[in-house]
Amino acid sequence: MTLLLLLFILFVISAVVGCAFFLEDFDEETASWWLGSLSRVFHAGIAPGDRLIYRKPKVSPHPGPRARNVRPAENGYCYEVDKFWTVAGVLEDGRLLAKTRTGKEVCLNREDERLRKARLIERLRYRRRFPAV
């Protein structure tokens, strides 16, 4: 019985890790559809202390190594970068107050498509990037 439980746990952990890396291999359109639909489910229960990932759009002549969805623009390249934030509080009007790694506080709308809760694998993988509240 213990052996079956151990095999089941190993199977579940490997399946979760495999799915996390599999989502990163999708093209941007498919991945954004998947993550967008998942983020709508996760938005319902956001509380202080939760980890958030915000995909911030940027424009620069030289995109960095973590740039995603890079496309040419007039002033160089237009791309997106993942920002790792922690919820510091929920305001009365439903907006979120998030804390950045540099200590700044940002007000966010819950319905923003670029905002989503970090999945378990992301919370473990990027744990050093999330600020402490």
Protein backbone atom coordinates (compact mmCIF):
# COMPACT_ATOMS: atom_id res chain seq x y z
CA MET A 1 0.00 0.00 0.00
CA THR A 2 2.83 2.38 0.86
CA LEU A 3 4.50 1.61 -2.44
CA LEU A 4 1.32 2.47 -4.36
CA LEU A 5 0.97 5.74 -2.44
CA LEU A 6 4.60 6.63 -3.13
CA LEU A 7 4.21 5.86 -6.85
CA PHE A 8 1.03 7.93 -7.00
CA ILE A 9 2.71 10.92 -5.31
CA LEU A 10 5.72 10.70 -7.64
CA PHE A 11 3.40 10.52 -10.64
CA VAL A 12 1.39 13.56 -9.54
CA ILE A 13 4.51 15.64 -8.80
CA SER A 14 6.11 14.76 -12.14
CA ALA A 15 2.84 15.52 -13.96
CA VAL A 16 2.57 18.96 -12.32
CA VAL A 17 6.20 19.81 -13.08
CA GLY A 18 5.83 18.54 -16.65
CA CYS A 19 2.70 20.65 -17.21
CA ALA A 20 4.46 23.74 -15.88
CA PHE A 21 7.32 23.34 -18.34
CA PHE A 22 4.95 22.27 -21.12
CA LEU A 23 3.05 25.58 -20.83
CA GLU A 24 6.31 27.47 -21.37
CA ASP A 25 6.86 25.64 -24.69
CA PHE A 26 3.58 26.81 -26.24
CA ASP A 27 3.60 29.63 -28.73
CA GLU A 28 2.65 32.97 -27.18
CA GLU A 29 -0.96 32.96 -28.41
CA THR A 30 -1.76 29.50 -27.04
CA ALA A 31 0.05 30.13 -23.76
CA SER A 32 -1.71 33.46 -23.23
CA TRP A 33 -5.09 31.79 -23.88
CA TRP A 34 -4.32 29.06 -21.34
CA LEU A 35 -2.92 31.43 -18.75
CA GLY A 36 -5.70 33.96 -19.31
CA SER A 37 -8.40 31.38 -18.71
CA LEU A 38 -6.57 30.06 -15.65
CA SER A 39 -6.05 33.55 -14.24
CA ARG A 40 -9.78 34.31 -14.38
CA VAL A 41 -10.37 31.29 -12.14
CA PHE A 42 -7.66 32.34 -9.68
CA HIS A 43 -8.73 36.00 -9.40
CA ALA A 44 -11.66 35.13 -7.17
CA GLY A 45 -9.63 34.44 -4.04
CA ILE A 46 -6.78 36.93 -3.97
CA ALA A 47 -5.74 37.88 -0.44
CA PRO A 48 -2.81 39.75 1.15
CA GLY A 49 0.39 37.71 0.94
CA ASP A 50 -0.52 36.01 -2.33
CA ARG A 51 2.11 35.96 -5.06
CA LEU A 52 1.27 37.63 -8.37
CA ILE A 53 2.89 37.63 -11.79
CA TYR A 54 2.28 40.71 -13.93
CA ARG A 55 3.32 40.68 -17.59
CA LYS A 56 4.41 44.28 -18.15
CA PRO A 57 4.70 45.70 -21.69
CA LYS A 58 7.90 47.57 -22.49
CA VAL A 59 9.63 49.28 -25.44
CA SER A 60 13.41 49.35 -25.79
CA PRO A 61 16.11 49.21 -28.46
CA HIS A 62 17.66 46.17 -26.71
CA PRO A 63 15.29 43.68 -25.02
CA GLY A 64 16.72 41.81 -22.05
CA PRO A 65 17.13 38.04 -21.67
CA ARG A 66 13.73 37.64 -19.93
CA ALA A 67 11.81 39.44 -22.70
CA ARG A 68 8.80 37.57 -24.10
CA ASN A 69 6.68 38.14 -27.17
CA VAL A 70 9.33 40.36 -28.82
CA ARG A 71 8.21 42.23 -31.95
CA PRO A 72 9.68 45.17 -33.88
CA ALA A 73 8.47 48.70 -33.12
CA GLU A 74 9.35 52.23 -34.24
CA ASN A 75 11.78 52.85 -31.37
CA GLY A 76 13.36 49.39 -31.28
CA TYR A 77 11.37 46.46 -29.95
CA CYS A 78 8.08 46.03 -28.13
CA TYR A 79 8.05 43.14 -25.66
CA GLU A 80 6.73 41.93 -22.33
CA VAL A 81 8.55 41.10 -19.09
CA ASP A 82 7.22 39.12 -16.13
CA LYS A 83 7.17 41.07 -12.87
CA PHE A 84 6.96 39.18 -9.59
CA TRP A 85 4.88 40.99 -6.97
CA THR A 86 3.21 40.21 -3.65
CA VAL A 87 -0.26 41.41 -2.59
CA ALA A 88 0.10 43.89 0.27
CA GLY A 89 -3.62 44.59 0.61
CA VAL A 90 -7.02 44.74 -1.01
CA LEU A 91 -8.60 48.19 -1.28
CA GLU A 92 -12.29 48.91 -0.58
CA ASP A 93 -13.09 49.33 -4.28
CA GLY A 94 -11.68 45.86 -5.05
CA ARG A 95 -8.34 46.97 -6.46
CA LEU A 96 -5.16 45.26 -5.30
CA LEU A 97 -2.22 46.93 -3.64
CA ALA A 98 0.92 45.02 -4.68
CA LYS A 99 4.48 45.37 -3.46
CA THR A 100 7.33 45.20 -5.98
CA ARG A 101 10.83 43.83 -5.40
CA THR A 102 12.20 47.36 -5.05
CA GLY A 103 9.68 48.25 -2.32
CA LYS A 104 7.29 50.29 -4.45
CA GLU A 105 3.54 49.84 -4.10
CA VAL A 106 1.38 49.51 -7.20
CA CYS A 107 -2.43 49.67 -7.48
CA LEU A 108 -3.83 47.02 -9.82
CA ASN A 109 -7.24 46.17 -11.19
CA ARG A 110 -8.24 42.56 -10.50
CA GLU A 111 -9.62 42.21 -14.03
CA ASP A 112 -6.34 43.12 -15.76
CA GLU A 113 -5.54 40.38 -18.29
CA ARG A 114 -1.80 40.76 -17.68
CA LEU A 115 -2.20 39.94 -13.98
CA ARG A 116 -2.46 36.42 -12.60
CA LYS A 117 -1.77 34.46 -9.46
CA ALA A 118 1.48 32.51 -9.44
CA ARG A 119 1.08 28.76 -9.70
CA LEU A 120 2.69 26.45 -7.16
CA ILE A 121 5.61 25.58 -9.43
CA GLU A 122 6.23 29.28 -10.16
CA ARG A 123 6.14 30.15 -6.46
CA LEU A 124 8.82 27.52 -5.85
CA ARG A 125 10.90 28.23 -8.96
CA TYR A 126 10.93 32.03 -8.58
CA ARG A 127 10.70 32.24 -4.77
CA ARG A 128 13.64 34.66 -4.54
CA ARG A 129 12.03 37.11 -6.95
CA PHE A 130 8.86 37.64 -4.92
CA PRO A 131 9.13 40.40 -2.28
CA ALA A 132 8.33 39.72 1.37
CA VAL A 133 5.42 41.72 2.75
